[in-house]
PDB file of N, CA and C in Angstrom:
ATOM      1  N   MET A   1       0.820  -1.179   0.000  1.00  0.00           N
ATOM      2  CA  MET A   1       0.000   0.000   0.000  1.00  0.00           C
ATOM      3  C   MET A   1       0.872   1.253   0.000  1.00  0.00           C
ATOM      4  N   GLU A   2       0.499   2.256  -0.806  1.00  0.00           N
ATOM      5  CA  GLU A   2       1.267   3.487  -0.909  1.00  0.00           C
ATOM      6  C   GLU A   2       1.030   4.380   0.301  1.00  0.00           C
ATOM      7  N   THR A   3       2.106   5.059   0.698  1.00  0.00           N
ATOM      8  CA  THR A   3       1.961   6.022   1.782  1.00  0.00           C
ATOM      9  C   THR A   3       1.437   7.334   1.213  1.00  0.00           C
ATOM     10  N   MET A   4       1.026   8.230   2.081  1.00  0.00           N
ATOM     11  CA  MET A   4       0.507   9.534   1.650  1.00  0.00           C
ATOM     12  C   MET A   4       1.570  10.321   0.893  1.00  0.00           C
ATOM     13  N   GLU A   5       2.828  10.216   1.346  1.00  0.00           N
ATOM     14  CA  GLU A   5       3.911  10.949   0.695  1.00  0.00           C
ATOM     15  C   GLU A   5       4.121  10.452  -0.736  1.00  0.00           C
ATOM     16  N   GLU A   6       4.041   9.137  -0.944  1.00  0.00           N
ATOM     17  CA  GLU A   6       4.222   8.581  -2.283  1.00  0.00           C
ATOM     18  C   GLU A   6       3.095   9.010  -3.208  1.00  0.00           C
ATOM     19  N   LYS A   7       1.889   9.139  -2.677  1.00  0.00           N
ATOM     20  CA  LYS A   7       0.751   9.553  -3.487  1.00  0.00           C
ATOM     21  C   LYS A   7       0.872  11.008  -3.916  1.00  0.00           C
ATOM     22  N   ARG A   8       1.355  11.876  -3.018  1.00  0.00           N
ATOM     23  CA  ARG A   8       1.447  13.303  -3.302  1.00  0.00           C
ATOM     24  C   ARG A   8       2.616  13.659  -4.197  1.00  0.00           C
ATOM     25  N   LYS A   9       3.619  12.833  -4.256  1.00  0.00           N
ATOM     26  CA  LYS A   9       4.830  13.150  -4.991  1.00  0.00           C
ATOM     27  C   LYS A   9       4.556  13.158  -6.494  1.00  0.00           C
ATOM     28  N   ARG A  10       4.814  14.286  -7.118  1.00  0.00           N
ATOM     29  CA  ARG A  10       4.642  14.418  -8.559  1.00  0.00           C
ATOM     30  C   ARG A  10       5.928  14.028  -9.269  1.00  0.00           C
ATOM     31  N   PRO A  11       5.816  13.496 -10.465  1.00  0.00           N
ATOM     32  CA  PRO A  11       7.059  13.268 -11.225  1.00  0.00           C
ATOM     33  C   PRO A  11       7.665  14.614 -11.624  1.00  0.00           C
ATOM     34  N   ARG A  12       8.967  14.687 -11.630  1.00  0.00           N
ATOM     35  CA  ARG A  12       9.655  15.939 -11.962  1.00  0.00           C
ATOM     36  C   ARG A  12       9.475  16.224 -13.450  1.00  0.00           C
ATOM     37  N   ARG A  13       9.029  17.435 -13.735  1.00  0.00           N
ATOM     38  CA  ARG A  13       8.839  17.835 -15.125  1.00  0.00           C
ATOM     39  C   ARG A  13       9.835  18.940 -15.464  1.00  0.00           C
ATOM     40  N   SER A  14      10.194  19.027 -16.731  1.00  0.00           N
ATOM     41  CA  SER A  14      11.057  20.122 -17.164  1.00  0.00           C
ATOM     42  C   SER A  14      10.366  20.864 -18.302  1.00  0.00           C
ATOM     43  N   PHE A  15      10.643  22.149 -18.383  1.00  0.00           N
ATOM     44  CA  PHE A  15       9.993  23.000 -19.359  1.00  0.00           C
ATOM     45  C   PHE A  15      11.042  23.801 -20.121  1.00  0.00           C
ATOM     46  N   PHE A  16      10.753  24.080 -21.380  1.00  0.00           N
ATOM     47  CA  PHE A  16      11.651  24.889 -22.196  1.00  0.00           C
ATOM     48  C   PHE A  16      11.591  26.338 -21.732  1.00  0.00           C
ATOM     49  N   ASP A  17      12.697  27.054 -21.946  1.00  0.00           N
ATOM     50  CA  ASP A  17      12.760  28.459 -21.546  1.00  0.00           C
ATOM     51  C   ASP A  17      11.682  29.297 -22.230  1.00  0.00           C
ATOM     52  N   GLU A  18      11.354  28.946 -23.477  1.00  0.00           N
ATOM     53  CA  GLU A  18      10.329  29.699 -24.220  1.00  0.00           C
ATOM     54  C   GLU A  18       8.967  29.565 -23.532  1.00  0.00           C
ATOM     55  N   TYR A  19       8.664  28.366 -23.060  1.00  0.00           N
ATOM     56  CA  TYR A  19       7.394  28.144 -22.368  1.00  0.00           C
ATOM     57  C   TYR A  19       7.345  28.942 -21.069  1.00  0.00           C
ATOM     58  N   LYS A  20       8.455  28.921 -20.322  1.00  0.00           N
ATOM     59  CA  LYS A  20       8.510  29.678 -19.074  1.00  0.00           C
ATOM     60  C   LYS A  20       8.292  31.167 -19.341  1.00  0.00           C
ATOM     61  N   ALA A  21       8.912  31.679 -20.419  1.00  0.00           N
ATOM     62  CA  ALA A  21       8.764  33.094 -20.768  1.00  0.00           C
ATOM     63  C   ALA A  21       7.311  33.413 -21.109  1.00  0.00           C
ATOM     64  N   GLU A  22       6.638  32.491 -21.800  1.00  0.00           N
ATOM     65  CA  GLU A  22       5.226  32.694 -22.132  1.00  0.00           C
ATOM     66  C   GLU A  22       4.365  32.732 -20.867  1.00  0.00           C
ATOM     67  N   VAL A  23       4.651  31.849 -19.924  1.00  0.00           N
ATOM     68  CA  VAL A  23       3.892  31.819 -18.669  1.00  0.00           C
ATOM     69  C   VAL A  23       4.117  33.113 -17.892  1.00  0.00           C
ATOM     70  N   VAL A  24       5.363  33.583 -17.845  1.00  0.00           N
ATOM     71  CA  VAL A  24       5.675  34.836 -17.150  1.00  0.00           C
ATOM     72  C   VAL A  24       4.921  35.989 -17.809  1.00  0.00           C
ATOM     73  N   GLU A  25       4.930  36.029 -19.128  1.00  0.00           N
ATOM     74  CA  GLU A  25       4.219  37.091 -19.849  1.00  0.00           C
ATOM     75  C   GLU A  25       2.715  37.025 -19.569  1.00  0.00           C
ATOM     76  N   LEU A  26       2.179  35.824 -19.503  1.00  0.00           N
ATOM     77  CA  LEU A  26       0.767  35.643 -19.193  1.00  0.00           C
ATOM     78  C   LEU A  26       0.449  36.176 -17.799  1.00  0.00           C
ATOM     79  N   CYS A  27       1.332  35.926 -16.848  1.00  0.00           N
ATOM     80  CA  CYS A  27       1.137  36.429 -15.485  1.00  0.00           C
ATOM     81  C   CYS A  27       1.125  37.948 -15.465  1.00  0.00           C
ATOM     82  N   ARG A  28       1.957  38.557 -16.292  1.00  0.00           N
ATOM     83  CA  ARG A  28       2.091  40.015 -16.286  1.00  0.00           C
ATOM     84  C   ARG A  28       0.968  40.716 -17.047  1.00  0.00           C
ATOM     85  N   THR A  29       0.425  40.062 -18.065  1.00  0.00           N
ATOM     86  CA  THR A  29      -0.514  40.764 -18.941  1.00  0.00           C
ATOM     87  C   THR A  29      -1.969  40.336 -18.798  1.00  0.00           C
ATOM     88  N   SER A  30      -2.217  39.190 -18.191  1.00  0.00           N
ATOM     89  CA  SER A  30      -3.585  38.667 -18.158  1.00  0.00           C
ATOM     90  C   SER A  30      -4.464  39.292 -17.077  1.00  0.00           C
ATOM     91  N   GLY A  31      -3.843  39.919 -16.124  1.00  0.00           N
ATOM     92  CA  GLY A  31      -4.620  40.455 -15.015  1.00  0.00           C
ATOM     93  C   GLY A  31      -4.971  39.399 -13.976  1.00  0.00           C
ATOM     94  N   LYS A  32      -4.506  38.172 -14.196  1.00  0.00           N
ATOM     95  CA  LYS A  32      -4.746  37.088 -13.241  1.00  0.00           C
ATOM     96  C   LYS A  32      -3.574  36.987 -12.278  1.00  0.00           C
ATOM     97  N   SER A  33      -3.841  36.422 -11.121  1.00  0.00           N
ATOM     98  CA  SER A  33      -2.768  36.221 -10.146  1.00  0.00           C
ATOM     99  C   SER A  33      -1.912  35.029 -10.575  1.00  0.00           C
ATOM    100  N   ILE A  34      -0.748  34.927  -9.967  1.00  0.00           N
ATOM    101  CA  ILE A  34       0.134  33.789 -10.249  1.00  0.00           C
ATOM    102  C   ILE A  34      -0.575  32.487  -9.912  1.00  0.00           C
ATOM    103  N   THR A  35      -1.313  32.480  -8.822  1.00  0.00           N
ATOM    104  CA  THR A  35      -2.049  31.282  -8.408  1.00  0.00           C
ATOM    105  C   THR A  35      -3.064  30.865  -9.465  1.00  0.00           C
ATOM    106  N   GLU A  36      -3.778  31.844 -10.020  1.00  0.00           N
ATOM    107  CA  GLU A  36      -4.780  31.537 -11.043  1.00  0.00           C
ATOM    108  C   GLU A  36      -4.133  31.014 -12.320  1.00  0.00           C
ATOM    109  N   VAL A  37      -3.057  31.654 -12.749  1.00  0.00           N
ATOM    110  CA  VAL A  37      -2.356  31.212 -13.966  1.00  0.00           C
ATOM    111  C   VAL A  37      -1.813  29.806 -13.777  1.00  0.00           C
ATOM    112  N   ALA A  38      -1.200  29.553 -12.630  1.00  0.00           N
ATOM    113  CA  ALA A  38      -0.653  28.222 -12.355  1.00  0.00           C
ATOM    114  C   ALA A  38      -1.761  27.174 -12.376  1.00  0.00           C
ATOM    115  N   GLY A  39      -2.887  27.486 -11.747  1.00  0.00           N
ATOM    116  CA  GLY A  39      -4.010  26.548 -11.727  1.00  0.00           C
ATOM    117  C   GLY A  39      -4.566  26.284 -13.119  1.00  0.00           C
ATOM    118  N   ASP A  40      -4.702  27.339 -13.922  1.00  0.00           N
ATOM    119  CA  ASP A  40      -5.216  27.190 -15.284  1.00  0.00           C
ATOM    120  C   ASP A  40      -4.320  26.299 -16.145  1.00  0.00           C
ATOM    121  N   LEU A  41      -3.008  26.380 -15.919  1.00  0.00           N
ATOM    122  CA  LEU A  41      -2.049  25.642 -16.750  1.00  0.00           C
ATOM    123  C   LEU A  41      -1.612  24.312 -16.135  1.00  0.00           C
ATOM    124  N   GLY A  42      -2.110  24.003 -14.949  1.00  0.00           N
ATOM    125  CA  GLY A  42      -1.726  22.756 -14.300  1.00  0.00           C
ATOM    126  C   GLY A  42      -0.300  22.753 -13.789  1.00  0.00           C
ATOM    127  N   LEU A  43       0.180  23.927 -13.374  1.00  0.00           N
ATOM    128  CA  LEU A  43       1.539  24.073 -12.857  1.00  0.00           C
ATOM    129  C   LEU A  43       1.482  24.339 -11.360  1.00  0.00           C
ATOM    130  N   THR A  44       2.591  24.141 -10.693  1.00  0.00           N
ATOM    131  CA  THR A  44       2.630  24.467  -9.269  1.00  0.00           C
ATOM    132  C   THR A  44       2.830  25.970  -9.118  1.00  0.00           C
ATOM    133  N   VAL A  45       2.227  26.514  -8.083  1.00  0.00           N
ATOM    134  CA  VAL A  45       2.343  27.950  -7.818  1.00  0.00           C
ATOM    135  C   VAL A  45       3.801  28.309  -7.549  1.00  0.00           C
ATOM    136  N   SER A  46       4.507  27.459  -6.833  1.00  0.00           N
ATOM    137  CA  SER A  46       5.902  27.759  -6.498  1.00  0.00           C
ATOM    138  C   SER A  46       6.770  27.838  -7.752  1.00  0.00           C
ATOM    139  N   ALA A  47       6.533  26.978  -8.729  1.00  0.00           N
ATOM    140  CA  ALA A  47       7.322  27.008  -9.964  1.00  0.00           C
ATOM    141  C   ALA A  47       7.067  28.302 -10.728  1.00  0.00           C
ATOM    142  N   VAL A  48       5.808  28.663 -10.880  1.00  0.00           N
ATOM    143  CA  VAL A  48       5.473  29.884 -11.620  1.00  0.00           C
ATOM    144  C   VAL A  48       6.024  31.112 -10.892  1.00  0.00           C
ATOM    145  N   ARG A  49       5.892  31.124  -9.576  1.00  0.00           N
ATOM    146  CA  ARG A  49       6.421  32.251  -8.791  1.00  0.00           C
ATOM    147  C   ARG A  49       7.944  32.353  -8.962  1.00  0.00           C
ATOM    148  N   ARG A  50       8.618  31.224  -8.991  1.00  0.00           N
ATOM    149  CA  ARG A  50      10.067  31.199  -9.180  1.00  0.00           C
ATOM    150  C   ARG A  50      10.441  31.719 -10.573  1.00  0.00           C
ATOM    151  N   TRP A  51       9.678  31.314 -11.606  1.00  0.00           N
ATOM    152  CA  TRP A  51       9.941  31.785 -12.971  1.00  0.00           C
ATOM    153  C   TRP A  51       9.756  33.292 -13.080  1.00  0.00           C
ATOM    154  N   VAL A  52       8.703  33.816 -12.460  1.00  0.00           N
ATOM    155  CA  VAL A  52       8.443  35.263 -12.504  1.00  0.00           C
ATOM    156  C   VAL A  52       9.561  36.002 -11.776  1.00  0.00           C
ATOM    157  N   GLY A  53       9.966  35.498 -10.632  1.00  0.00           N
ATOM    158  CA  GLY A  53      11.052  36.122  -9.874  1.00  0.00           C
ATOM    159  C   GLY A  53      12.356  36.119 -10.641  1.00  0.00           C
ATOM    160  N   GLN A  54      12.667  34.998 -11.302  1.00  0.00           N
ATOM    161  CA  GLN A  54      13.904  34.912 -12.076  1.00  0.00           C
ATOM    162  C   GLN A  54      13.841  35.849 -13.279  1.00  0.00           C
ATOM    163  N   ALA A  55      12.679  35.986 -13.889  1.00  0.00           N
ATOM    164  CA  ALA A  55      12.522  36.913 -15.016  1.00  0.00           C
ATOM    165  C   ALA A  55      12.766  38.347 -14.558  1.00  0.00           C
ATOM    166  N   ASP A  56      12.317  38.685 -13.355  1.00  0.00           N
ATOM    167  CA  ASP A  56      12.559  40.019 -12.805  1.00  0.00           C
ATOM    168  C   ASP A  56      14.047  40.248 -12.571  1.00  0.00           C
ATOM    169  N   ILE A  57      14.743  39.243 -12.085  1.00  0.00           N
ATOM    170  CA  ILE A  57      16.189  39.349 -11.872  1.00  0.00           C
ATOM    171  C   ILE A  57      16.900  39.515 -13.212  1.00  0.00           C
ATOM    172  N   ASP A  58      16.532  38.687 -14.198  1.00  0.00           N
ATOM    173  CA  ASP A  58      17.165  38.766 -15.514  1.00  0.00           C
ATOM    174  C   ASP A  58      16.930  40.115 -16.185  1.00  0.00           C
ATOM    175  N   ALA A  59      15.774  40.737 -15.907  1.00  0.00           N
ATOM    176  CA  ALA A  59      15.446  42.040 -16.487  1.00  0.00           C
ATOM    177  C   ALA A  59      16.075  43.193 -15.701  1.00  0.00           C
ATOM    178  N   GLY A  60      16.724  42.876 -14.589  1.00  0.00           N
ATOM    179  CA  GLY A  60      17.365  43.910 -13.779  1.00  0.00           C
ATOM    180  C   GLY A  60      16.413  44.631 -12.838  1.00  0.00           C
ATOM    181  N   LEU A  61      15.224  44.073 -12.657  1.00  0.00           N
ATOM    182  CA  LEU A  61      14.242  44.703 -11.776  1.00  0.00           C
ATOM    183  C   LEU A  61      14.467  44.354 -10.310  1.00  0.00           C
ATOM    184  N   LYS A  62      15.125  43.236 -10.056  1.00  0.00           N
ATOM    185  CA  LYS A  62      15.415  42.789  -8.698  1.00  0.00           C
ATOM    186  C   LYS A  62      16.874  42.350  -8.635  1.00  0.00           C
ATOM    187  N   PRO A  63      17.509  42.484  -7.469  1.00  0.00           N
ATOM    188  CA  PRO A  63      18.884  41.991  -7.347  1.00  0.00           C
ATOM    189  C   PRO A  63      18.908  40.470  -7.274  1.00  0.00           C
ATOM    190  N   GLY A  64      19.997  39.889  -7.732  1.00  0.00           N
ATOM    191  CA  GLY A  64      20.162  38.449  -7.663  1.00  0.00           C
ATOM    192  C   GLY A  64      21.010  37.950  -8.817  1.00  0.00           C
ATOM    193  N   MET A  65      21.243  36.655  -8.846  1.00  0.00           N
ATOM    194  CA  MET A  65      22.058  36.037  -9.884  1.00  0.00           C
ATOM    195  C   MET A  65      21.208  35.786 -11.127  1.00  0.00           C
ATOM    196  N   THR A  66      21.653  36.337 -12.256  1.00  0.00           N
ATOM    197  CA  THR A  66      20.909  36.151 -13.502  1.00  0.00           C
ATOM    198  C   THR A  66      21.071  34.722 -13.997  1.00  0.00           C
ATOM    199  N   SER A  67      20.239  34.346 -14.931  1.00  0.00           N
ATOM    200  CA  SER A  67      20.316  32.997 -15.507  1.00  0.00           C
ATOM    201  C   SER A  67      21.656  32.770 -16.184  1.00  0.00           C
ATOM    202  N   GLU A  68      22.177  33.805 -16.869  1.00  0.00           N
ATOM    203  CA  GLU A  68      23.487  33.687 -17.520  1.00  0.00           C
ATOM    204  C   GLU A  68      24.591  33.474 -16.497  1.00  0.00           C
ATOM    205  N   GLU A  69      24.541  34.228 -15.411  1.00  0.00           N
ATOM    206  CA  GLU A  69      25.552  34.078 -14.363  1.00  0.00           C
ATOM    207  C   GLU A  69      25.476  32.687 -13.740  1.00  0.00           C
ATOM    208  N   HIS A  70      24.275  32.188 -13.541  1.00  0.00           N
ATOM    209  CA  HIS A  70      24.111  30.858 -12.962  1.00  0.00           C
ATOM    210  C   HIS A  70      24.677  29.789 -13.897  1.00  0.00           C
ATOM    211  N   ALA A  71      24.395  29.917 -15.193  1.00  0.00           N
ATOM    212  CA  ALA A  71      24.914  28.947 -16.164  1.00  0.00           C
ATOM    213  C   ALA A  71      26.443  28.983 -16.187  1.00  0.00           C
ATOM    214  N   GLU A  72      27.022  30.184 -16.113  1.00  0.00           N
ATOM    215  CA  GLU A  72      28.471  30.311 -16.098  1.00  0.00           C
ATOM    216  C   GLU A  72      29.050  29.680 -14.829  1.00  0.00           C
ATOM    217  N   LEU A  73      28.403  29.905 -13.695  1.00  0.00           N
ATOM    218  CA  LEU A  73      28.861  29.334 -12.432  1.00  0.00           C
ATOM    219  C   LEU A  73      28.856  27.806 -12.487  1.00  0.00           C
ATOM    220  N   VAL A  74      27.791  27.233 -13.026  1.00  0.00           N
ATOM    221  CA  VAL A  74      27.695  25.773 -13.160  1.00  0.00           C
ATOM    222  C   VAL A  74      28.831  25.254 -14.039  1.00  0.00           C
ATOM    223  N   GLN A  75      29.074  25.940 -15.164  1.00  0.00           N
ATOM    224  CA  GLN A  75      30.135  25.520 -16.087  1.00  0.00           C
ATOM    225  C   GLN A  75      31.501  25.630 -15.420  1.00  0.00           C
ATOM    226  N   LEU A  76      31.758  26.708 -14.693  1.00  0.00           N
ATOM    227  CA  LEU A  76      33.050  26.889 -14.026  1.00  0.00           C
ATOM    228  C   LEU A  76      33.265  25.860 -12.920  1.00  0.00           C
ATOM    229  N   ARG A  77      32.214  25.520 -12.189  1.00  0.00           N
ATOM    230  CA  ARG A  77      32.344  24.499 -11.143  1.00  0.00           C
ATOM    231  C   ARG A  77      32.682  23.147 -11.747  1.00  0.00           C
ATOM    232  N   LYS A  78      32.060  22.834 -12.876  1.00  0.00           N
ATOM    233  CA  LYS A  78      32.349  21.570 -13.558  1.00  0.00           C
ATOM    234  C   LYS A  78      33.797  21.544 -14.034  1.00  0.00           C
ATOM    235  N   GLU A  79      34.235  22.641 -14.644  1.00  0.00           N
ATOM    236  CA  GLU A  79      35.613  22.738 -15.124  1.00  0.00           C
ATOM    237  C   GLU A  79      36.595  22.629 -13.959  1.00  0.00           C
ATOM    238  N   ASN A  80      36.286  23.270 -12.846  1.00  0.00           N
ATOM    239  CA  ASN A  80      37.129  23.225 -11.661  1.00  0.00           C
ATOM    240  C   ASN A  80      37.255  21.797 -11.135  1.00  0.00           C
ATOM    241  N   ARG A  81      36.118  21.056 -11.125  1.00  0.00           N
ATOM    242  CA  ARG A  81      36.140  19.677 -10.663  1.00  0.00           C
ATOM    243  C   ARG A  81      37.043  18.816 -11.551  1.00  0.00           C
ATOM    244  N   VAL A  82      36.943  19.005 -12.868  1.00  0.00           N
ATOM    245  CA  VAL A  82      37.763  18.237 -13.806  1.00  0.00           C
ATOM    246  C   VAL A  82      39.240  18.560 -13.594  1.00  0.00           C
ATOM    247  N   LEU A  83      39.567  19.826 -13.427  1.00  0.00           N
ATOM    248  CA  LEU A  83      40.957  20.222 -13.219  1.00  0.00           C
ATOM    249  C   LEU A  83      41.520  19.638 -11.921  1.00  0.00           C
ATOM    250  N   ARG A  84      40.709  19.604 -10.865  1.00  0.00           N
ATOM    251  CA  ARG A  84      41.159  19.003  -9.599  1.00  0.00           C
ATOM    252  C   ARG A  84      41.424  17.502  -9.775  1.00  0.00           C
ATOM    253  N   GLU A  85      40.525  16.832 -10.503  1.00  0.00           N
ATOM    254  CA  GLU A  85      40.715  15.400 -10.748  1.00  0.00           C
ATOM    255  C   GLU A  85      41.992  15.153 -11.538  1.00  0.00           C
ATOM    256  N   GLU A  86      42.231  15.967 -12.568  1.00  0.00           N
ATOM    257  CA  GLU A  86      43.456  15.818 -13.367  1.00  0.00           C
ATOM    258  C   GLU A  86      44.697  16.065 -12.522  1.00  0.00           C
ATOM    259  N   ARG A  87      44.646  17.087 -11.650  1.00  0.00           N
ATOM    260  CA  ARG A  87      45.769  17.386 -10.775  1.00  0.00           C
ATOM    261  C   ARG A  87      46.055  16.210  -9.840  1.00  0.00           C
ATOM    262  N   ASP A  88      44.986  15.638  -9.278  1.00  0.00           N
ATOM    263  CA  ASP A  88      45.165  14.514  -8.359  1.00  0.00           C
ATOM    264  C   ASP A  88      45.761  13.306  -9.066  1.00  0.00           C
ATOM    265  N   ILE A  89      45.339  13.059 -10.286  1.00  0.00           N
ATOM    266  CA  ILE A  89      45.895  11.943 -11.067  1.00  0.00           C
ATOM    267  C   ILE A  89      47.385  12.174 -11.311  1.00  0.00           C
ATOM    268  N   LEU A  90      47.749  13.403 -11.670  1.00  0.00           N
ATOM    269  CA  LEU A  90      49.171  13.714 -11.907  1.00  0.00           C
ATOM    270  C   LEU A  90      49.992  13.577 -10.630  1.00  0.00           C
ATOM    271  N   LYS A  91      49.426  13.965  -9.493  1.00  0.00           N
ATOM    272  CA  LYS A  91      50.136  13.803  -8.218  1.00  0.00           C
ATOM    273  C   LYS A  91      50.416  12.329  -7.951  1.00  0.00           C
ATOM    274  N   ARG A  92      49.385  11.480  -8.141  1.00  0.00           N
ATOM    275  CA  ARG A  92      49.563  10.048  -7.895  1.00  0.00           C
ATOM    276  C   ARG A  92      50.565   9.439  -8.870  1.00  0.00           C
ATOM    277  N   ALA A  93      50.544   9.892 -10.104  1.00  0.00           N
ATOM    278  CA  ALA A  93      51.481   9.379 -11.098  1.00  0.00           C
ATOM    279  C   ALA A  93      52.908   9.784 -10.740  1.00  0.00           C
ATOM    280  N   THR A  94      53.091  11.000 -10.253  1.00  0.00           N
ATOM    281  CA  THR A  94      54.414  11.470  -9.861  1.00  0.00           C
ATOM    282  C   THR A  94      54.963  10.622  -8.719  1.00  0.00           C
ATOM    283  N   VAL A  95      54.126  10.341  -7.729  1.00  0.00           N
ATOM    284  CA  VAL A  95      54.553   9.512  -6.595  1.00  0.00           C
ATOM    285  C   VAL A  95      54.898   8.113  -7.081  1.00  0.00           C
ATOM    286  N   PHE A  96      54.080   7.551  -7.947  1.00  0.00           N
ATOM    287  CA  PHE A  96      54.305   6.203  -8.460  1.00  0.00           C
ATOM    288  C   PHE A  96      55.632   6.121  -9.209  1.00  0.00           C
ATOM    289  N   PHE A  97      55.883   7.068 -10.122  1.00  0.00           N
ATOM    290  CA  PHE A  97      57.119   7.010 -10.912  1.00  0.00           C
ATOM    291  C   PHE A  97      58.329   7.362 -10.086  1.00  0.00           C
ATOM    292  N   ALA A  98      58.189   8.169  -9.047  1.00  0.00           N
ATOM    293  CA  ALA A  98      59.306   8.473  -8.163  1.00  0.00           C
ATOM    294  C   ALA A  98      59.734   7.218  -7.422  1.00  0.00           C
ATOM    295  N   LYS A  99      58.801   6.367  -7.033  1.00  0.00           N
ATOM    296  CA  LYS A  99      59.121   5.108  -6.350  1.00  0.00           C
ATOM    297  C   LYS A  99      59.765   4.129  -7.318  1.00  0.00           C
ATOM    298  N   GLU A 100      59.339   4.121  -8.554  1.00  0.00           N
ATOM    299  CA  GLU A 100      59.865   3.195  -9.577  1.00  0.00           C
ATOM    300  C   GLU A 100      61.330   3.468  -9.918  1.00  0.00           C
ATOM    301  N   THR A 101      61.749   4.720  -9.894  1.00  0.00           N
ATOM    302  CA  THR A 101      63.102   5.073 -10.307  1.00  0.00           C
ATOM    303  C   THR A 101      64.129   4.843  -9.212  1.00  0.00           C
ATOM    304  N   ARG A 102      63.705   4.547  -7.996  1.00  0.00           N
ATOM    305  CA  ARG A 102      64.656   4.320  -6.895  1.00  0.00           C
ATOM    306  C   ARG A 102      65.226   2.943  -6.921  1.00  0.00           C
TER     307      ARG A 102
END
């Protein structure tokens, strides 16, 4: 038997940026609240509210990290992780070959 938590859990959905922009525009121009727009489209209120907030940040209306800055941060963290792994491999190889030459 399923628990209440398993029943309430929705599968994770992803949306294209164009769709998010359309939803944000609908929130701004329709005269409806975010709750009403989310309900009409079958979306969660928190997701729509987050999209509207991020659109405000990207437009410079609110302070915060823009989508471009976030994408750059993700890319730099990935690159940093790869560089650390490569450095660690080279360190281990140096120790290994130093022992071999003795």
